[in-house]
Amino acid sequence: MESSDNPVFNSRLDLTELKESMEAIRRSIGEWVVGQENMVDLLIVALLADGHVLLEGVPGVAKTLTAKLVSRVVSVDFSRIQFTPDLMPSDVLGTSVFNAKTTDFEFKPGPLFANIVLVDEINRAPAKTQASLFEAMEERQITIDGQTYPLESPFLVVATQNPIEQEGTYRLPEAQLDRFLFKIEVGYPTLEEETLMLERFHKRKNTVDISALESVISAEQLQRYRQTVREVRVEEHLVSYIANIVHQTRQHPSLYLGASPRASLAILAGAKALATVRGRDFITPEDVQFVALPVLVHRVIITPEVEMEGRSAADVLQAILDQVEVPR
């Protein structure tokens, strides 16, 4: 994640502890997940930027394992929800249960009441259950039977989905996709990475037991780091650069739907978090470019003509990033 050109400068923020903690998280995850550096880096940025993450990839590329590892290295409550076609909103949010002793209804919280929530195969549940996450992801609260229940901070949703298998799945609506800070496309490992993975698996006697993995940071530390991220400097010309990138998605002839203003805010938040991990108290164009694609790729829709040509949203967005003038 380190910038290739990182000059020496005096930071007005003390980022030593934050940077060391994020490096420790990366090392802990790296003991179990070989390769996938981009996925790990973006997950760390999402932690600091207080944003949800959608992991998309074929089965077996360590999406679920990585999400579970993130929950282990941060000392917080964790829950896992396996989305299925018969899953109801009450199975996720919780429900009111009648208490015969008090002759009143009591709310029993569902698995969404945790700090880090892994939603496995999010596209397997119908729209009604998917929509149950809307309020929680955006407002960090849940409203049931007219009563609002705040979710304890930090609150992070890490969802996974398989882009290949379509049978028994329900496409995520744009409104829900827009609530994810990043969509991270997880690919296959290289030959060298897969070889190393096999060697480690053999040394561990064919087991993947992460229960002994110790936490690296506490919830209080994470909250403190997030406050530091908010204090990162952003020059006016970089604000214009971010706005210009997002604005171009709304004018590009290859895009049927451009990105919303929430995308601009997401790029800014992601770039500020990335800057602190790189040891800086200000963002650079390189920070913006690193986070722009995973912020935008799920927020735009390509035209049918472009899809027929075999081009993807990522291809169009990369062309936009190449065309927009980079401030210096």
Protein backbone atom coordinates (compact mmCIF):
# COMPACT_ATOMS: atom_id res chain seq x y z
CA MET A 1 0.00 0.00 0.00
CA GLU A 2 3.02 2.23 0.30
CA SER A 3 3.32 5.08 -2.19
CA SER A 4 6.19 4.66 -4.65
CA ASP A 5 7.29 8.25 -4.15
CA ASN A 6 7.05 9.17 -0.48
CA PRO A 7 9.17 12.25 0.34
CA VAL A 8 10.20 13.11 3.89
CA PHE A 9 7.97 15.73 5.52
CA ASN A 10 6.90 16.92 8.92
CA SER A 11 3.40 15.73 9.77
CA ARG A 12 1.20 17.88 11.99
CA LEU A 13 -0.56 14.66 13.14
CA ASP A 14 1.17 11.89 15.06
CA LEU A 15 0.48 8.92 12.80
CA THR A 16 3.10 6.55 14.19
CA GLU A 17 0.77 4.40 16.29
CA LEU A 18 -1.93 4.30 13.62
CA LYS A 19 0.48 3.25 10.89
CA GLU A 20 2.12 0.58 13.07
CA SER A 21 -1.28 -0.83 14.07
CA MET A 22 -2.43 -1.08 10.45
CA GLU A 23 0.84 -2.79 9.51
CA ALA A 24 0.28 -5.26 12.36
CA ILE A 25 -3.23 -5.97 11.05
CA ARG A 26 -1.84 -6.56 7.57
CA ARG A 27 0.79 -8.96 8.91
CA SER A 28 -1.77 -10.89 10.98
CA ILE A 29 -4.07 -11.34 7.99
CA GLY A 30 -1.09 -12.15 5.77
CA GLU A 31 -0.26 -15.15 7.96
CA TRP A 32 -3.49 -16.79 6.79
CA VAL A 33 -4.30 -15.19 3.42
CA VAL A 34 -1.61 -15.46 0.78
CA GLY A 35 -1.62 -12.65 -1.78
CA GLN A 36 -4.83 -10.60 -2.18
CA GLU A 37 -2.91 -7.51 -1.02
CA ASN A 38 -5.36 -5.17 -2.74
CA MET A 39 -8.32 -6.70 -0.89
CA VAL A 40 -6.54 -6.51 2.48
CA ASP A 41 -5.39 -2.92 1.90
CA LEU A 42 -8.89 -1.76 0.97
CA LEU A 43 -10.41 -3.54 3.97
CA ILE A 44 -7.97 -1.70 6.25
CA VAL A 45 -8.89 1.60 4.59
CA ALA A 46 -12.60 0.81 5.02
CA LEU A 47 -12.04 0.16 8.72
CA LEU A 48 -10.51 3.61 9.14
CA ALA A 49 -13.02 5.33 6.83
CA ASP A 50 -16.04 3.80 8.61
CA GLY A 51 -17.38 2.26 5.42
CA HIS A 52 -19.00 -1.04 4.45
CA VAL A 53 -17.40 -3.43 1.97
CA LEU A 54 -18.76 -5.78 -0.70
CA LEU A 55 -16.40 -8.61 -1.66
CA GLU A 56 -17.15 -10.17 -5.03
CA GLY A 57 -15.41 -13.26 -6.34
CA VAL A 58 -15.79 -16.91 -7.18
CA PRO A 59 -15.97 -19.41 -4.30
CA GLY A 60 -12.71 -20.34 -2.63
CA VAL A 61 -10.70 -17.10 -2.95
CA ALA A 62 -10.70 -16.35 0.81
CA LYS A 63 -13.48 -13.75 0.90
CA THR A 64 -15.19 -15.16 3.99
CA LEU A 65 -11.91 -16.08 5.69
CA THR A 66 -10.56 -12.56 5.28
CA ALA A 67 -13.72 -11.01 6.72
CA LYS A 68 -13.47 -13.33 9.73
CA LEU A 69 -9.79 -12.43 10.16
CA VAL A 70 -10.65 -8.71 10.23
CA SER A 71 -13.09 -9.40 13.06
CA ARG A 72 -10.37 -11.25 14.99
CA VAL A 73 -7.65 -8.59 14.71
CA VAL A 74 -10.05 -5.89 15.96
CA SER A 75 -11.31 -6.63 19.48
CA VAL A 76 -15.04 -6.21 18.80
CA ASP A 77 -18.24 -8.27 18.63
CA PHE A 78 -18.63 -10.30 15.45
CA SER A 79 -21.58 -12.06 13.86
CA ARG A 80 -22.10 -13.96 10.64
CA ILE A 81 -25.36 -14.10 8.70
CA GLN A 82 -25.72 -16.67 5.92
CA PHE A 83 -28.21 -15.19 3.47
CA THR A 84 -30.60 -17.74 1.97
CA PRO A 85 -33.80 -17.43 -0.11
CA ASP A 86 -35.99 -18.20 2.92
CA LEU A 87 -34.31 -15.68 5.25
CA MET A 88 -36.75 -13.12 6.68
CA PRO A 89 -35.97 -9.53 7.82
CA SER A 90 -36.74 -10.52 11.43
CA ASP A 91 -34.02 -13.19 11.19
CA VAL A 92 -31.54 -10.37 10.58
CA LEU A 93 -32.88 -7.47 12.65
CA GLY A 94 -34.53 -9.25 15.56
CA THR A 95 -38.11 -9.45 16.72
CA SER A 96 -40.43 -8.52 19.59
CA VAL A 97 -41.29 -11.46 21.82
CA PHE A 98 -44.13 -11.51 24.34
CA ASN A 99 -42.97 -11.90 27.94
CA ALA A 100 -45.67 -13.62 30.00
CA LYS A 101 -44.15 -12.46 33.30
CA THR A 102 -44.21 -8.76 32.44
CA THR A 103 -47.22 -9.08 30.10
CA ASP A 104 -45.31 -6.93 27.63
CA PHE A 105 -43.30 -7.37 24.45
CA GLU A 106 -39.51 -7.49 24.66
CA PHE A 107 -37.18 -6.88 21.74
CA LYS A 108 -34.73 -9.68 21.03
CA PRO A 109 -31.86 -8.26 18.92
CA GLY A 110 -30.87 -10.14 15.79
CA PRO A 111 -27.35 -10.89 14.51
CA LEU A 112 -27.10 -7.43 12.93
CA PHE A 113 -26.47 -6.06 16.43
CA ALA A 114 -22.70 -6.54 16.34
CA ASN A 115 -19.66 -4.42 15.51
CA ILE A 116 -18.49 -6.36 12.47
CA VAL A 117 -21.17 -8.27 10.57
CA LEU A 118 -20.28 -10.76 7.85
CA VAL A 119 -23.17 -11.18 5.42
CA ASP A 120 -22.28 -14.24 3.38
CA GLU A 121 -23.75 -14.52 -0.12
CA ILE A 122 -25.82 -11.36 0.24
CA ASN A 123 -27.40 -11.84 -3.20
CA ARG A 124 -29.08 -15.11 -2.16
CA ALA A 125 -31.76 -13.40 -0.06
CA PRO A 126 -34.83 -11.73 -1.63
CA ALA A 127 -35.17 -7.96 -1.91
CA LYS A 128 -37.19 -7.59 1.30
CA THR A 129 -34.43 -9.14 3.41
CA GLN A 130 -31.71 -7.23 1.56
CA ALA A 131 -33.63 -4.01 2.24
CA SER A 132 -33.55 -4.75 5.99
CA LEU A 133 -29.92 -3.65 5.91
CA PHE A 134 -30.62 -0.21 4.40
CA GLU A 135 -31.21 1.79 7.57
CA ALA A 136 -28.52 -0.01 9.54
CA MET A 137 -25.83 0.57 6.92
CA GLU A 138 -26.63 4.23 6.33
CA GLU A 139 -27.83 5.53 9.69
CA ARG A 140 -26.29 3.00 12.10
CA GLN A 141 -29.68 2.33 13.65
CA ILE A 142 -32.62 -0.05 13.33
CA THR A 143 -36.30 0.86 13.62
CA ILE A 144 -38.74 -1.91 14.58
CA ASP A 145 -42.36 -1.46 15.69
CA GLY A 146 -41.85 2.29 15.88
CA GLN A 147 -38.88 1.96 18.23
CA THR A 148 -35.38 3.01 17.12
CA TYR A 149 -32.36 1.08 18.37
CA PRO A 150 -28.90 2.62 17.79
CA LEU A 151 -26.12 0.29 16.69
CA GLU A 152 -22.96 0.33 18.74
CA SER A 153 -19.92 1.90 17.08
CA PRO A 154 -17.90 0.72 15.27
CA PHE A 155 -20.36 -0.91 12.90
CA LEU A 156 -19.05 -2.50 9.71
CA VAL A 157 -20.84 -4.75 7.23
CA VAL A 158 -18.64 -7.00 5.09
CA ALA A 159 -20.76 -8.76 2.48
CA THR A 160 -19.74 -11.40 -0.04
CA GLN A 161 -21.30 -12.49 -3.30
CA ASN A 162 -20.52 -14.84 -6.17
CA PRO A 163 -20.75 -13.06 -9.56
CA ILE A 164 -20.84 -16.28 -11.60
CA GLU A 165 -23.67 -18.36 -10.16
CA GLN A 166 -27.05 -16.81 -11.00
CA GLU A 167 -29.50 -19.56 -10.05
CA GLY A 168 -31.24 -18.79 -6.78
CA THR A 169 -29.78 -15.30 -6.49
CA TYR A 170 -31.33 -11.83 -6.39
CA ARG A 171 -29.49 -8.87 -7.87
CA LEU A 172 -28.67 -6.16 -5.34
CA PRO A 173 -30.58 -2.93 -6.07
CA GLU A 174 -28.59 0.22 -6.86
CA ALA A 175 -29.77 1.85 -3.61
CA GLN A 176 -28.13 -0.92 -1.60
CA LEU A 177 -24.96 -1.03 -3.67
CA ASP A 178 -24.58 2.71 -3.11
CA ARG A 179 -24.29 2.11 0.64
CA PHE A 180 -21.08 0.12 0.26
CA LEU A 181 -17.93 2.22 0.44
CA PHE A 182 -15.98 -0.28 -1.68
CA LYS A 183 -16.76 -3.13 -3.99
CA ILE A 184 -13.64 -5.27 -4.07
CA GLU A 185 -13.30 -7.79 -6.88
CA VAL A 186 -11.31 -10.73 -5.53
CA GLY A 187 -9.42 -12.68 -8.18
CA TYR A 188 -7.46 -15.92 -8.30
CA PRO A 189 -3.99 -16.11 -6.70
CA THR A 190 -0.87 -16.34 -8.84
CA LEU A 191 0.92 -19.67 -9.27
CA GLU A 192 3.56 -18.65 -6.71
CA GLU A 193 0.92 -17.52 -4.20
CA GLU A 194 -1.09 -20.71 -4.56
CA THR A 195 2.05 -22.80 -4.09
CA LEU A 196 2.87 -20.92 -0.87
CA MET A 197 -0.74 -21.33 0.27
CA LEU A 198 -0.50 -25.11 -0.18
CA GLU A 199 2.78 -25.24 1.73
CA ARG A 200 1.29 -23.33 4.69
CA PHE A 201 -1.86 -25.48 4.64
CA HIS A 202 0.29 -28.62 4.75
CA LYS A 203 2.36 -27.28 7.68
CA ARG A 204 -0.85 -26.57 9.61
CA LYS A 205 -1.94 -30.20 9.19
CA ASN A 206 -4.72 -29.34 6.71
CA THR A 207 -6.58 -27.12 9.18
CA VAL A 208 -7.65 -23.46 9.14
CA ASP A 209 -8.19 -22.63 12.81
CA ILE A 210 -8.00 -18.87 13.46
CA SER A 211 -9.32 -19.06 17.03
CA ALA A 212 -5.83 -18.49 18.44
CA LEU A 213 -5.33 -15.27 16.44
CA GLU A 214 -4.97 -12.39 18.88
CA SER A 215 -6.51 -8.97 18.41
CA VAL A 216 -4.25 -6.11 17.37
CA ILE A 217 -6.36 -3.07 18.24
CA SER A 218 -9.37 -2.34 20.44
CA ALA A 219 -12.62 -0.64 19.50
CA GLU A 220 -11.47 2.45 21.40
CA GLN A 221 -8.24 2.61 19.40
CA LEU A 222 -10.15 2.27 16.14
CA GLN A 223 -12.45 5.14 17.12
CA ARG A 224 -9.40 7.26 17.93
CA TYR A 225 -7.78 6.43 14.60
CA ARG A 226 -10.99 7.36 12.77
CA GLN A 227 -10.95 10.74 14.46
CA THR A 228 -7.38 11.22 13.26
CA VAL A 229 -8.46 10.38 9.71
CA ARG A 230 -11.07 13.14 9.82
CA GLU A 231 -8.33 15.68 10.52
CA VAL A 232 -6.34 14.88 7.38
CA ARG A 233 -5.78 17.93 5.16
CA VAL A 234 -7.35 18.13 1.71
CA GLU A 235 -6.24 20.89 -0.68
CA GLU A 236 -8.88 22.65 -2.75
CA HIS A 237 -7.47 21.43 -6.07
CA LEU A 238 -7.84 17.82 -4.88
CA VAL A 239 -11.46 18.42 -3.90
CA SER A 240 -12.02 19.65 -7.46
CA TYR A 241 -10.18 16.60 -8.81
CA ILE A 242 -12.51 14.22 -6.97
CA ALA A 243 -15.60 16.16 -8.05
CA ASN A 244 -14.40 16.18 -11.66
CA ILE A 245 -13.89 12.40 -11.72
CA VAL A 246 -17.39 11.74 -10.40
CA HIS A 247 -18.91 14.40 -12.67
CA GLN A 248 -17.35 12.71 -15.72
CA THR A 249 -19.19 9.47 -14.91
CA ARG A 250 -22.47 11.33 -15.41
CA GLN A 251 -21.47 12.63 -18.83
CA HIS A 252 -19.61 9.67 -20.29
CA PRO A 253 -21.43 8.16 -23.32
CA SER A 254 -20.54 4.62 -22.23
CA LEU A 255 -22.34 4.96 -18.90
CA TYR A 256 -26.12 4.72 -18.62
CA LEU A 257 -26.00 5.69 -14.93
CA GLY A 258 -23.33 7.87 -13.35
CA ALA A 259 -22.17 7.99 -9.74
CA SER A 260 -24.09 9.88 -7.05
CA PRO A 261 -22.68 12.58 -4.72
CA ARG A 262 -22.28 9.80 -2.14
CA ALA A 263 -19.48 8.51 -4.37
CA SER A 264 -17.61 11.81 -4.08
CA LEU A 265 -17.85 11.64 -0.30
CA ALA A 266 -16.69 8.01 -0.37
CA ILE A 267 -13.61 8.81 -2.49
CA LEU A 268 -12.70 11.65 -0.13
CA ALA A 269 -13.14 9.49 2.98
CA GLY A 270 -11.18 6.61 1.46
CA ALA A 271 -8.33 8.83 0.29
CA LYS A 272 -7.99 10.42 3.73
CA ALA A 273 -7.84 7.00 5.42
CA LEU A 274 -5.30 5.75 2.89
CA ALA A 275 -3.11 8.83 3.46
CA THR A 276 -2.84 8.09 7.19
CA VAL A 277 -1.89 4.46 6.53
CA ARG A 278 0.84 5.77 4.23
CA GLY A 279 2.03 8.05 7.02
CA ARG A 280 0.76 11.38 5.69
CA ASP A 281 -1.63 13.98 7.09
CA PHE A 282 -2.65 15.13 3.61
CA ILE A 283 -4.01 13.35 0.53
CA THR A 284 -2.39 13.16 -2.90
CA PRO A 285 -3.77 12.38 -6.39
CA GLU A 286 -2.34 8.85 -6.00
CA ASP A 287 -4.54 8.29 -2.93
CA VAL A 288 -7.59 9.38 -4.91
CA GLN A 289 -6.71 7.12 -7.83
CA PHE A 290 -6.14 4.09 -5.55
CA VAL A 291 -9.64 4.25 -4.02
CA ALA A 292 -11.60 5.68 -6.97
CA LEU A 293 -12.18 2.42 -8.86
CA PRO A 294 -13.50 0.32 -5.91
CA VAL A 295 -15.66 3.29 -4.87
CA LEU A 296 -17.19 3.80 -8.32
CA VAL A 297 -17.36 0.38 -9.98
CA HIS A 298 -20.63 -0.64 -8.27
CA ARG A 299 -22.21 2.81 -8.54
CA VAL A 300 -22.33 3.11 -12.33
CA ILE A 301 -24.12 1.15 -15.06
CA ILE A 302 -22.66 0.70 -18.53
CA THR A 303 -24.78 0.98 -21.65
CA PRO A 304 -25.95 -2.20 -23.43
CA GLU A 305 -23.74 -1.34 -26.40
CA VAL A 306 -20.63 -1.24 -24.23
CA GLU A 307 -21.62 -4.53 -22.59
CA MET A 308 -22.00 -6.15 -26.00
CA GLU A 309 -18.49 -5.01 -26.87
CA GLY A 310 -17.20 -7.01 -23.92
CA ARG A 311 -16.10 -3.97 -21.90
CA SER A 312 -16.82 -3.63 -18.19
CA ALA A 313 -17.61 -0.73 -15.87
CA ALA A 314 -14.03 -0.95 -14.59
CA ASP A 315 -12.72 -0.47 -18.14
CA VAL A 316 -14.80 2.67 -18.63
CA LEU A 317 -13.89 4.07 -15.23
CA GLN A 318 -10.18 3.48 -15.83
CA ALA A 319 -10.50 5.41 -19.09
CA ILE A 320 -12.11 8.29 -17.18
CA LEU A 321 -9.30 8.27 -14.61
CA ASP A 322 -6.76 8.36 -17.44
CA GLN A 323 -8.53 11.28 -19.12
CA VAL A 324 -9.16 13.56 -16.15
CA GLU A 325 -6.28 15.97 -15.64
CA VAL A 326 -4.27 15.16 -12.54
CA PRO A 327 -3.48 18.19 -10.34
CA ARG A 328 0.17 18.73 -9.39
